Amino acid sequence: MSGCGGLLSDEKGGLVKGFIKKLGNCSTILAELCAIFWGLKLANEMGFKKIIVEGDSTSVISMLKNMENQWEAFGSLLLLLQKEICANCQLYFQHNYKDGNQCADC
């Protein structure tokens, strides 16, 4: 059983909102993408216009930064993220080492 979650914070690092989702059986990469998807959807619904996505998966962050075509299995989710959810916001992706992510795996 897999799950995902995330935190939305303001420009000063203060917690704004958190979320968790049950996913069923899926890969680690899909779980990371789902967390980003739900976080971006929530940020968009809350009216955020500048969004910095931090993640500890170098593969996923690289995939999102470059929208790499070799990740065809996740293409529709990536397209939805890029075109529909975040069409009206400034979106940045950055890698954060797991050691620096105090909320991961809590």
PDB file of N, CA and C in Angstrom:
ATOM      1  N   MET A   1       0.851  -1.178   0.000  1.00  0.00           N
ATOM      2  CA  MET A   1       0.000   0.000   0.000  1.00  0.00           C
ATOM      3  C   MET A   1       0.893   1.236   0.000  1.00  0.00           C
ATOM      4  N   SER A   2       0.669   2.115  -0.939  1.00  0.00           N
ATOM      5  CA  SER A   2       1.447   3.345  -1.045  1.00  0.00           C
ATOM      6  C   SER A   2       0.585   4.545  -0.685  1.00  0.00           C
ATOM      7  N   GLY A   3       1.256   5.606  -0.344  1.00  0.00           N
ATOM      8  CA  GLY A   3       0.579   6.855  -0.042  1.00  0.00           C
ATOM      9  C   GLY A   3       1.482   8.004  -0.406  1.00  0.00           C
ATOM     10  N   CYS A   4       0.933   9.189  -0.341  1.00  0.00           N
ATOM     11  CA  CYS A   4       1.728  10.382  -0.612  1.00  0.00           C
ATOM     12  C   CYS A   4       1.205  11.508   0.268  1.00  0.00           C
ATOM     13  N   GLY A   5       1.985  12.533   0.362  1.00  0.00           N
ATOM     14  CA  GLY A   5       1.584  13.687   1.145  1.00  0.00           C
ATOM     15  C   GLY A   5       2.493  14.850   0.857  1.00  0.00           C
ATOM     16  N   GLY A   6       2.118  15.984   1.371  1.00  0.00           N
ATOM     17  CA  GLY A   6       2.934  17.159   1.161  1.00  0.00           C
ATOM     18  C   GLY A   6       2.511  18.291   2.065  1.00  0.00           C
ATOM     19  N   LEU A   7       3.317  19.316   2.058  1.00  0.00           N
ATOM     20  CA  LEU A   7       3.066  20.515   2.854  1.00  0.00           C
ATOM     21  C   LEU A   7       3.143  21.732   1.947  1.00  0.00           C
ATOM     22  N   LEU A   8       2.251  22.662   2.154  1.00  0.00           N
ATOM     23  CA  LEU A   8       2.318  23.950   1.480  1.00  0.00           C
ATOM     24  C   LEU A   8       2.738  24.969   2.524  1.00  0.00           C
ATOM     25  N   SER A   9       3.728  25.762   2.170  1.00  0.00           N
ATOM     26  CA  SER A   9       4.198  26.782   3.102  1.00  0.00           C
ATOM     27  C   SER A   9       4.250  28.136   2.407  1.00  0.00           C
ATOM     28  N   ASP A  10       4.269  29.182   3.195  1.00  0.00           N
ATOM     29  CA  ASP A  10       4.335  30.525   2.641  1.00  0.00           C
ATOM     30  C   ASP A  10       5.786  30.900   2.351  1.00  0.00           C
ATOM     31  N   GLU A  11       5.985  32.136   1.908  1.00  0.00           N
ATOM     32  CA  GLU A  11       7.330  32.585   1.531  1.00  0.00           C
ATOM     33  C   GLU A  11       8.310  32.634   2.694  1.00  0.00           C
ATOM     34  N   LYS A  12       7.809  32.591   3.923  1.00  0.00           N
ATOM     35  CA  LYS A  12       8.684  32.586   5.099  1.00  0.00           C
ATOM     36  C   LYS A  12       8.901  31.184   5.655  1.00  0.00           C
ATOM     37  N   GLY A  13       8.320  30.183   4.997  1.00  0.00           N
ATOM     38  CA  GLY A  13       8.469  28.806   5.454  1.00  0.00           C
ATOM     39  C   GLY A  13       7.413  28.375   6.449  1.00  0.00           C
ATOM     40  N   GLY A  14       6.444  29.223   6.728  1.00  0.00           N
ATOM     41  CA  GLY A  14       5.374  28.879   7.664  1.00  0.00           C
ATOM     42  C   GLY A  14       4.366  27.928   7.032  1.00  0.00           C
ATOM     43  N   LEU A  15       3.908  26.960   7.781  1.00  0.00           N
ATOM     44  CA  LEU A  15       2.952  25.978   7.292  1.00  0.00           C
ATOM     45  C   LEU A  15       1.619  26.639   6.954  1.00  0.00           C
ATOM     46  N   VAL A  16       1.126  26.376   5.766  1.00  0.00           N
ATOM     47  CA  VAL A  16      -0.173  26.866   5.326  1.00  0.00           C
ATOM     48  C   VAL A  16      -1.188  25.731   5.340  1.00  0.00           C
ATOM     49  N   LYS A  17      -0.802  24.578   4.791  1.00  0.00           N
ATOM     50  CA  LYS A  17      -1.709  23.445   4.715  1.00  0.00           C
ATOM     51  C   LYS A  17      -0.908  22.180   4.415  1.00  0.00           C
ATOM     52  N   GLY A  18      -1.392  21.062   4.889  1.00  0.00           N
ATOM     53  CA  GLY A  18      -0.798  19.767   4.603  1.00  0.00           C
ATOM     54  C   GLY A  18      -1.849  18.828   4.055  1.00  0.00           C
ATOM     55  N   PHE A  19      -1.409  17.752   3.421  1.00  0.00           N
ATOM     56  CA  PHE A  19      -2.349  16.776   2.889  1.00  0.00           C
ATOM     57  C   PHE A  19      -1.700  15.389   2.844  1.00  0.00           C
ATOM     58  N   ILE A  20      -2.535  14.366   2.865  1.00  0.00           N
ATOM     59  CA  ILE A  20      -2.097  12.992   2.654  1.00  0.00           C
ATOM     60  C   ILE A  20      -3.143  12.303   1.774  1.00  0.00           C
ATOM     61  N   LYS A  21      -2.690  11.333   0.985  1.00  0.00           N
ATOM     62  CA  LYS A  21      -3.574  10.580   0.094  1.00  0.00           C
ATOM     63  C   LYS A  21      -3.159   9.116   0.089  1.00  0.00           C
ATOM     64  N   LYS A  22      -4.133   8.220   0.070  1.00  0.00           N
ATOM     65  CA  LYS A  22      -3.875   6.799  -0.142  1.00  0.00           C
ATOM     66  C   LYS A  22      -3.834   6.555  -1.636  1.00  0.00           C
ATOM     67  N   LEU A  23      -2.864   5.750  -2.081  1.00  0.00           N
ATOM     68  CA  LEU A  23      -2.705   5.515  -3.508  1.00  0.00           C
ATOM     69  C   LEU A  23      -2.923   4.064  -3.923  1.00  0.00           C
ATOM     70  N   GLY A  24      -2.832   3.122  -3.030  1.00  0.00           N
ATOM     71  CA  GLY A  24      -2.865   1.719  -3.434  1.00  0.00           C
ATOM     72  C   GLY A  24      -1.458   1.273  -3.789  1.00  0.00           C
ATOM     73  N   ASN A  25      -1.340   0.333  -4.685  1.00  0.00           N
ATOM     74  CA  ASN A  25      -0.026  -0.176  -5.095  1.00  0.00           C
ATOM     75  C   ASN A  25       0.479   0.614  -6.296  1.00  0.00           C
ATOM     76  N   CYS A  26       1.651   1.224  -6.153  1.00  0.00           N
ATOM     77  CA  CYS A  26       2.257   1.964  -7.259  1.00  0.00           C
ATOM     78  C   CYS A  26       3.753   2.102  -7.015  1.00  0.00           C
ATOM     79  N   SER A  27       4.444   2.583  -8.029  1.00  0.00           N
ATOM     80  CA  SER A  27       5.891   2.772  -7.922  1.00  0.00           C
ATOM     81  C   SER A  27       6.203   3.998  -7.075  1.00  0.00           C
ATOM     82  N   THR A  28       7.437   4.087  -6.645  1.00  0.00           N
ATOM     83  CA  THR A  28       7.897   5.235  -5.872  1.00  0.00           C
ATOM     84  C   THR A  28       7.807   6.513  -6.705  1.00  0.00           C
ATOM     85  N   ILE A  29       8.178   6.412  -7.980  1.00  0.00           N
ATOM     86  CA  ILE A  29       8.132   7.586  -8.850  1.00  0.00           C
ATOM     87  C   ILE A  29       6.694   8.070  -9.010  1.00  0.00           C
ATOM     88  N   LEU A  30       5.759   7.154  -9.212  1.00  0.00           N
ATOM     89  CA  LEU A  30       4.367   7.561  -9.348  1.00  0.00           C
ATOM     90  C   LEU A  30       3.851   8.184  -8.049  1.00  0.00           C
ATOM     91  N   ALA A  31       4.257   7.646  -6.904  1.00  0.00           N
ATOM     92  CA  ALA A  31       3.846   8.223  -5.616  1.00  0.00           C
ATOM     93  C   ALA A  31       4.381   9.650  -5.479  1.00  0.00           C
ATOM     94  N   GLU A  32       5.629   9.872  -5.870  1.00  0.00           N
ATOM     95  CA  GLU A  32       6.207  11.227  -5.818  1.00  0.00           C
ATOM     96  C   GLU A  32       5.451  12.171  -6.744  1.00  0.00           C
ATOM     97  N   LEU A  33       5.162  11.707  -7.965  1.00  0.00           N
ATOM     98  CA  LEU A  33       4.425  12.539  -8.912  1.00  0.00           C
ATOM     99  C   LEU A  33       3.014  12.850  -8.417  1.00  0.00           C
ATOM    100  N   CYS A  34       2.377  11.868  -7.808  1.00  0.00           N
ATOM    101  CA  CYS A  34       1.031  12.098  -7.259  1.00  0.00           C
ATOM    102  C   CYS A  34       1.065  13.136  -6.148  1.00  0.00           C
ATOM    103  N   ALA A  35       2.082  13.076  -5.292  1.00  0.00           N
ATOM    104  CA  ALA A  35       2.209  14.078  -4.221  1.00  0.00           C
ATOM    105  C   ALA A  35       2.364  15.471  -4.823  1.00  0.00           C
ATOM    106  N   ILE A  36       3.182  15.585  -5.852  1.00  0.00           N
ATOM    107  CA  ILE A  36       3.376  16.877  -6.503  1.00  0.00           C
ATOM    108  C   ILE A  36       2.088  17.324  -7.183  1.00  0.00           C
ATOM    109  N   PHE A  37       1.417  16.395  -7.858  1.00  0.00           N
ATOM    110  CA  PHE A  37       0.150  16.703  -8.519  1.00  0.00           C
ATOM    111  C   PHE A  37      -0.866  17.262  -7.520  1.00  0.00           C
ATOM    112  N   TRP A  38      -1.088  16.557  -6.413  1.00  0.00           N
ATOM    113  CA  TRP A  38      -2.076  16.996  -5.417  1.00  0.00           C
ATOM    114  C   TRP A  38      -1.650  18.301  -4.751  1.00  0.00           C
ATOM    115  N   GLY A  39      -0.355  18.458  -4.509  1.00  0.00           N
ATOM    116  CA  GLY A  39       0.134  19.706  -3.923  1.00  0.00           C
ATOM    117  C   GLY A  39      -0.070  20.896  -4.848  1.00  0.00           C
ATOM    118  N   LEU A  40       0.215  20.706  -6.130  1.00  0.00           N
ATOM    119  CA  LEU A  40       0.021  21.785  -7.095  1.00  0.00           C
ATOM    120  C   LEU A  40      -1.455  22.106  -7.289  1.00  0.00           C
ATOM    121  N   LYS A  41      -2.270  21.073  -7.305  1.00  0.00           N
ATOM    122  CA  LYS A  41      -3.716  21.282  -7.432  1.00  0.00           C
ATOM    123  C   LYS A  41      -4.233  22.106  -6.250  1.00  0.00           C
ATOM    124  N   LEU A  42      -3.799  21.744  -5.056  1.00  0.00           N
ATOM    125  CA  LEU A  42      -4.207  22.468  -3.858  1.00  0.00           C
ATOM    126  C   LEU A  42      -3.687  23.910  -3.879  1.00  0.00           C
ATOM    127  N   ALA A  43      -2.420  24.085  -4.241  1.00  0.00           N
ATOM    128  CA  ALA A  43      -1.839  25.432  -4.307  1.00  0.00           C
ATOM    129  C   ALA A  43      -2.586  26.294  -5.324  1.00  0.00           C
ATOM    130  N   ASN A  44      -2.932  25.706  -6.446  1.00  0.00           N
ATOM    131  CA  ASN A  44      -3.683  26.433  -7.467  1.00  0.00           C
ATOM    132  C   ASN A  44      -5.069  26.831  -6.953  1.00  0.00           C
ATOM    133  N   GLU A  45      -5.743  25.900  -6.290  1.00  0.00           N
ATOM    134  CA  GLU A  45      -7.070  26.189  -5.729  1.00  0.00           C
ATOM    135  C   GLU A  45      -7.015  27.279  -4.664  1.00  0.00           C
ATOM    136  N   MET A  46      -5.877  27.365  -3.961  1.00  0.00           N
ATOM    137  CA  MET A  46      -5.724  28.374  -2.913  1.00  0.00           C
ATOM    138  C   MET A  46      -5.230  29.709  -3.465  1.00  0.00           C
ATOM    139  N   GLY A  47      -4.992  29.768  -4.776  1.00  0.00           N
ATOM    140  CA  GLY A  47      -4.611  31.020  -5.412  1.00  0.00           C
ATOM    141  C   GLY A  47      -3.128  31.333  -5.422  1.00  0.00           C
ATOM    142  N   PHE A  48      -2.281  30.356  -5.126  1.00  0.00           N
ATOM    143  CA  PHE A  48      -0.842  30.591  -5.178  1.00  0.00           C
ATOM    144  C   PHE A  48      -0.440  30.889  -6.624  1.00  0.00           C
ATOM    145  N   LYS A  49       0.393  31.886  -6.825  1.00  0.00           N
ATOM    146  CA  LYS A  49       0.829  32.255  -8.176  1.00  0.00           C
ATOM    147  C   LYS A  49       2.299  31.928  -8.434  1.00  0.00           C
ATOM    148  N   LYS A  50       3.104  31.862  -7.389  1.00  0.00           N
ATOM    149  CA  LYS A  50       4.509  31.474  -7.516  1.00  0.00           C
ATOM    150  C   LYS A  50       4.696  30.247  -6.636  1.00  0.00           C
ATOM    151  N   ILE A  51       5.081  29.139  -7.271  1.00  0.00           N
ATOM    152  CA  ILE A  51       5.156  27.871  -6.554  1.00  0.00           C
ATOM    153  C   ILE A  51       6.544  27.262  -6.741  1.00  0.00           C
ATOM    154  N   ILE A  52       7.165  26.931  -5.628  1.00  0.00           N
ATOM    155  CA  ILE A  52       8.448  26.216  -5.650  1.00  0.00           C
ATOM    156  C   ILE A  52       8.181  24.815  -5.132  1.00  0.00           C
ATOM    157  N   VAL A  53       8.420  23.826  -5.989  1.00  0.00           N
ATOM    158  CA  VAL A  53       8.228  22.431  -5.619  1.00  0.00           C
ATOM    159  C   VAL A  53       9.577  21.878  -5.193  1.00  0.00           C
ATOM    160  N   GLU A  54       9.659  21.387  -3.971  1.00  0.00           N
ATOM    161  CA  GLU A  54      10.871  20.743  -3.478  1.00  0.00           C
ATOM    162  C   GLU A  54      10.602  19.252  -3.350  1.00  0.00           C
ATOM    163  N   GLY A  55      11.555  18.459  -3.789  1.00  0.00           N
ATOM    164  CA  GLY A  55      11.425  17.012  -3.677  1.00  0.00           C
ATOM    165  C   GLY A  55      12.770  16.369  -3.478  1.00  0.00           C
ATOM    166  N   ASP A  56      12.762  15.187  -2.856  1.00  0.00           N
ATOM    167  CA  ASP A  56      14.034  14.511  -2.601  1.00  0.00           C
ATOM    168  C   ASP A  56      14.351  13.431  -3.630  1.00  0.00           C
ATOM    169  N   SER A  57      13.537  13.295  -4.667  1.00  0.00           N
ATOM    170  CA  SER A  57      13.811  12.353  -5.746  1.00  0.00           C
ATOM    171  C   SER A  57      14.446  13.099  -6.914  1.00  0.00           C
ATOM    172  N   THR A  58      15.728  12.837  -7.144  1.00  0.00           N
ATOM    173  CA  THR A  58      16.412  13.517  -8.249  1.00  0.00           C
ATOM    174  C   THR A  58      15.771  13.149  -9.592  1.00  0.00           C
ATOM    175  N   SER A  59      15.320  11.911  -9.736  1.00  0.00           N
ATOM    176  CA  SER A  59      14.688  11.483 -10.991  1.00  0.00           C
ATOM    177  C   SER A  59      13.429  12.283 -11.274  1.00  0.00           C
ATOM    178  N   VAL A  60      12.584  12.429 -10.277  1.00  0.00           N
ATOM    179  CA  VAL A  60      11.313  13.138 -10.464  1.00  0.00           C
ATOM    180  C   VAL A  60      11.550  14.626 -10.690  1.00  0.00           C
ATOM    181  N   ILE A  61      12.415  15.241  -9.913  1.00  0.00           N
ATOM    182  CA  ILE A  61      12.688  16.672 -10.092  1.00  0.00           C
ATOM    183  C   ILE A  61      13.296  16.927 -11.465  1.00  0.00           C
ATOM    184  N   SER A  62      14.211  16.085 -11.894  1.00  0.00           N
ATOM    185  CA  SER A  62      14.803  16.226 -13.224  1.00  0.00           C
ATOM    186  C   SER A  62      13.750  16.057 -14.312  1.00  0.00           C
ATOM    187  N   MET A  63      12.881  15.072 -14.139  1.00  0.00           N
ATOM    188  CA  MET A  63      11.807  14.827 -15.092  1.00  0.00           C
ATOM    189  C   MET A  63      10.917  16.058 -15.230  1.00  0.00           C
ATOM    190  N   LEU A  64      10.562  16.661 -14.117  1.00  0.00           N
ATOM    191  CA  LEU A  64       9.676  17.817 -14.137  1.00  0.00           C
ATOM    192  C   LEU A  64      10.369  19.080 -14.652  1.00  0.00           C
ATOM    193  N   LYS A  65      11.635  19.248 -14.302  1.00  0.00           N
ATOM    194  CA  LYS A  65      12.366  20.417 -14.795  1.00  0.00           C
ATOM    195  C   LYS A  65      12.481  20.388 -16.309  1.00  0.00           C
ATOM    196  N   ASN A  66      12.711  19.215 -16.841  1.00  0.00           N
ATOM    197  CA  ASN A  66      12.987  19.082 -18.267  1.00  0.00           C
ATOM    198  C   ASN A  66      11.800  18.566 -19.069  1.00  0.00           C
ATOM    199  N   MET A  67      10.734  18.144 -18.380  1.00  0.00           N
ATOM    200  CA  MET A  67       9.585  17.508 -19.024  1.00  0.00           C
ATOM    201  C   MET A  67      10.073  16.484 -20.047  1.00  0.00           C
ATOM    202  N   GLU A  68      10.937  15.594 -19.578  1.00  0.00           N
ATOM    203  CA  GLU A  68      11.599  14.619 -20.435  1.00  0.00           C
ATOM    204  C   GLU A  68      10.604  13.638 -21.047  1.00  0.00           C
ATOM    205  N   ASN A  69      10.751  13.441 -22.347  1.00  0.00           N
ATOM    206  CA  ASN A  69       9.841  12.572 -23.085  1.00  0.00           C
ATOM    207  C   ASN A  69      10.054  11.091 -22.821  1.00  0.00           C
ATOM    208  N   GLN A  70      11.209  10.693 -22.300  1.00  0.00           N
ATOM    209  CA  GLN A  70      11.444   9.266 -22.094  1.00  0.00           C
ATOM    210  C   GLN A  70      10.602   8.696 -20.955  1.00  0.00           C
ATOM    211  N   TRP A  71       9.920   9.513 -20.222  1.00  0.00           N
ATOM    212  CA  TRP A  71       9.080   9.051 -19.121  1.00  0.00           C
ATOM    213  C   TRP A  71       7.636   8.900 -19.605  1.00  0.00           C
ATOM    214  N   GLU A  72       7.461   8.193 -20.738  1.00  0.00           N
ATOM    215  CA  GLU A  72       6.154   8.092 -21.371  1.00  0.00           C
ATOM    216  C   GLU A  72       5.069   7.550 -20.458  1.00  0.00           C
ATOM    217  N   ALA A  73       5.425   6.665 -19.541  1.00  0.00           N
ATOM    218  CA  ALA A  73       4.421   6.070 -18.651  1.00  0.00           C
ATOM    219  C   ALA A  73       3.723   7.132 -17.804  1.00  0.00           C
ATOM    220  N   PHE A  74       4.384   8.253 -17.574  1.00  0.00           N
ATOM    221  CA  PHE A  74       3.823   9.306 -16.736  1.00  0.00           C
ATOM    222  C   PHE A  74       3.426  10.532 -17.552  1.00  0.00           C
ATOM    223  N   GLY A  75       3.439  10.392 -18.881  1.00  0.00           N
ATOM    224  CA  GLY A  75       3.227  11.524 -19.774  1.00  0.00           C
ATOM    225  C   GLY A  75       1.945  12.289 -19.536  1.00  0.00           C
ATOM    226  N   SER A  76       0.824  11.586 -19.360  1.00  0.00           N
ATOM    227  CA  SER A  76      -0.446  12.295 -19.201  1.00  0.00           C
ATOM    228  C   SER A  76      -0.482  13.080 -17.895  1.00  0.00           C
ATOM    229  N   LEU A  77       0.106  12.530 -16.840  1.00  0.00           N
ATOM    230  CA  LEU A  77       0.154  13.245 -15.562  1.00  0.00           C
ATOM    231  C   LEU A  77       1.051  14.474 -15.676  1.00  0.00           C
ATOM    232  N   LEU A  78       2.206  14.325 -16.348  1.00  0.00           N
ATOM    233  CA  LEU A  78       3.110  15.462 -16.543  1.00  0.00           C
ATOM    234  C   LEU A  78       2.448  16.549 -17.383  1.00  0.00           C
ATOM    235  N   LEU A  79       1.736  16.145 -18.435  1.00  0.00           N
ATOM    236  CA  LEU A  79       1.063  17.116 -19.285  1.00  0.00           C
ATOM    237  C   LEU A  79      -0.019  17.854 -18.516  1.00  0.00           C
ATOM    238  N   LEU A  80      -0.763  17.137 -17.705  1.00  0.00           N
ATOM    239  CA  LEU A  80      -1.798  17.762 -16.890  1.00  0.00           C
ATOM    240  C   LEU A  80      -1.191  18.771 -15.923  1.00  0.00           C
ATOM    241  N   LEU A  81      -0.076  18.405 -15.296  1.00  0.00           N
ATOM    242  CA  LEU A  81       0.613  19.324 -14.389  1.00  0.00           C
ATOM    243  C   LEU A  81       1.038  20.591 -15.118  1.00  0.00           C
ATOM    244  N   GLN A  82       1.646  20.401 -16.262  1.00  0.00           N
ATOM    245  CA  GLN A  82       2.233  21.525 -16.979  1.00  0.00           C
ATOM    246  C   GLN A  82       1.178  22.424 -17.620  1.00  0.00           C
ATOM    247  N   LYS A  83       0.208  21.856 -18.280  1.00  0.00           N
ATOM    248  CA  LYS A  83      -0.716  22.632 -19.117  1.00  0.00           C
ATOM    249  C   LYS A  83      -1.950  23.130 -18.379  1.00  0.00           C
ATOM    250  N   GLU A  84      -2.498  22.322 -17.497  1.00  0.00           N
ATOM    251  CA  GLU A  84      -3.797  22.673 -16.933  1.00  0.00           C
ATOM    252  C   GLU A  84      -3.714  23.228 -15.521  1.00  0.00           C
ATOM    253  N   ILE A  85      -3.045  22.535 -14.640  1.00  0.00           N
ATOM    254  CA  ILE A  85      -3.044  22.958 -13.244  1.00  0.00           C
ATOM    255  C   ILE A  85      -2.213  24.206 -13.037  1.00  0.00           C
ATOM    256  N   CYS A  86      -1.065  24.283 -13.688  1.00  0.00           N
ATOM    257  CA  CYS A  86      -0.144  25.395 -13.419  1.00  0.00           C
ATOM    258  C   CYS A  86      -0.009  26.350 -14.594  1.00  0.00           C
ATOM    259  N   ALA A  87      -1.041  26.447 -15.402  1.00  0.00           N
ATOM    260  CA  ALA A  87      -0.971  27.311 -16.577  1.00  0.00           C
ATOM    261  C   ALA A  87      -0.803  28.781 -16.205  1.00  0.00           C
ATOM    262  N   ASN A  88      -1.322  29.192 -15.054  1.00  0.00           N
ATOM    263  CA  ASN A  88      -1.295  30.607 -14.672  1.00  0.00           C
ATOM    264  C   ASN A  88      -0.390  30.898 -13.488  1.00  0.00           C
ATOM    265  N   CYS A  89       0.611  30.053 -13.255  1.00  0.00           N
ATOM    266  CA  CYS A  89       1.515  30.320 -12.137  1.00  0.00           C
ATOM    267  C   CYS A  89       2.963  30.157 -12.567  1.00  0.00           C
ATOM    268  N   GLN A  90       3.828  30.777 -11.801  1.00  0.00           N
ATOM    269  CA  GLN A  90       5.263  30.585 -11.989  1.00  0.00           C
ATOM    270  C   GLN A  90       5.629  29.333 -11.208  1.00  0.00           C
ATOM    271  N   LEU A  91       6.237  28.389 -11.887  1.00  0.00           N
ATOM    272  CA  LEU A  91       6.505  27.092 -11.289  1.00  0.00           C
ATOM    273  C   LEU A  91       7.994  26.782 -11.357  1.00  0.00           C
ATOM    274  N   TYR A  92       8.568  26.443 -10.198  1.00  0.00           N
ATOM    275  CA  TYR A  92       9.989  26.118 -10.094  1.00  0.00           C
ATOM    276  C   TYR A  92      10.127  24.771  -9.386  1.00  0.00           C
ATOM    277  N   PHE A  93      11.106  23.997  -9.804  1.00  0.00           N
ATOM    278  CA  PHE A  93      11.377  22.707  -9.177  1.00  0.00           C
ATOM    279  C   PHE A  93      12.800  22.709  -8.650  1.00  0.00           C
ATOM    280  N   GLN A  94      12.971  22.224  -7.431  1.00  0.00           N
ATOM    281  CA  GLN A  94      14.323  22.103  -6.883  1.00  0.00           C
ATOM    282  C   GLN A  94      14.450  20.853  -6.035  1.00  0.00           C
ATOM    283  N   HIS A  95      15.630  20.265  -6.126  1.00  0.00           N
ATOM    284  CA  HIS A  95      15.923  19.059  -5.365  1.00  0.00           C
ATOM    285  C   HIS A  95      16.276  19.437  -3.934  1.00  0.00           C
ATOM    286  N   ASN A  96      15.775  18.654  -2.998  1.00  0.00           N
ATOM    287  CA  ASN A  96      16.070  18.837  -1.579  1.00  0.00           C
ATOM    288  C   ASN A  96      16.479  17.472  -1.039  1.00  0.00           C
ATOM    289  N   TYR A  97      17.698  17.351  -0.564  1.00  0.00           N
ATOM    290  CA  TYR A  97      18.155  16.069  -0.032  1.00  0.00           C
ATOM    291  C   TYR A  97      17.262  15.612   1.111  1.00  0.00           C
ATOM    292  N   LYS A  98      17.059  14.323   1.193  1.00  0.00           N
ATOM    293  CA  LYS A  98      16.178  13.763   2.211  1.00  0.00           C
ATOM    294  C   LYS A  98      16.604  14.200   3.619  1.00  0.00           C
ATOM    295  N   ASP A  99      17.909  14.351   3.832  1.00  0.00           N
ATOM    296  CA  ASP A  99      18.409  14.813   5.140  1.00  0.00           C
ATOM    297  C   ASP A  99      17.898  16.215   5.475  1.00  0.00           C
ATOM    298  N   GLY A 100      17.667  17.032   4.433  1.00  0.00           N
ATOM    299  CA  GLY A 100      17.191  18.384   4.640  1.00  0.00           C
ATOM    300  C   GLY A 100      15.679  18.490   4.668  1.00  0.00           C
ATOM    301  N   ASN A 101      15.013  17.377   4.424  1.00  0.00           N
ATOM    302  CA  ASN A 101      13.552  17.354   4.410  1.00  0.00           C
ATOM    303  C   ASN A 101      13.070  16.759   5.725  1.00  0.00           C
ATOM    304  N   GLN A 102      12.848  17.599   6.705  1.00  0.00           N
ATOM    305  CA  GLN A 102      12.515  17.137   8.051  1.00  0.00           C
ATOM    306  C   GLN A 102      11.142  16.508   8.143  1.00  0.00           C
ATOM    307  N   CYS A 103      10.288  16.722   7.145  1.00  0.00           N
ATOM    308  CA  CYS A 103       8.934  16.172   7.205  1.00  0.00           C
ATOM    309  C   CYS A 103       8.811  14.826   6.488  1.00  0.00           C
ATOM    310  N   ALA A 104       9.803  14.445   5.690  1.00  0.00           N
ATOM    311  CA  ALA A 104       9.728  13.182   4.947  1.00  0.00           C
ATOM    312  C   ALA A 104       9.772  12.002   5.897  1.00  0.00           C
ATOM    313  N   ASP A 105       8.920  11.059   5.617  1.00  0.00           N
ATOM    314  CA  ASP A 105       8.880   9.794   6.364  1.00  0.00           C
ATOM    315  C   ASP A 105       8.661   9.981   7.864  1.00  0.00           C
ATOM    316  N   CYS A 106       7.929  11.018   8.258  1.00  0.00           N
ATOM    317  CA  CYS A 106       7.617  11.212   9.684  1.00  0.00           C
ATOM    318  C   CYS A 106       6.529  10.257  10.122  1.00  0.00           C
TER     319      CYS A 106
END
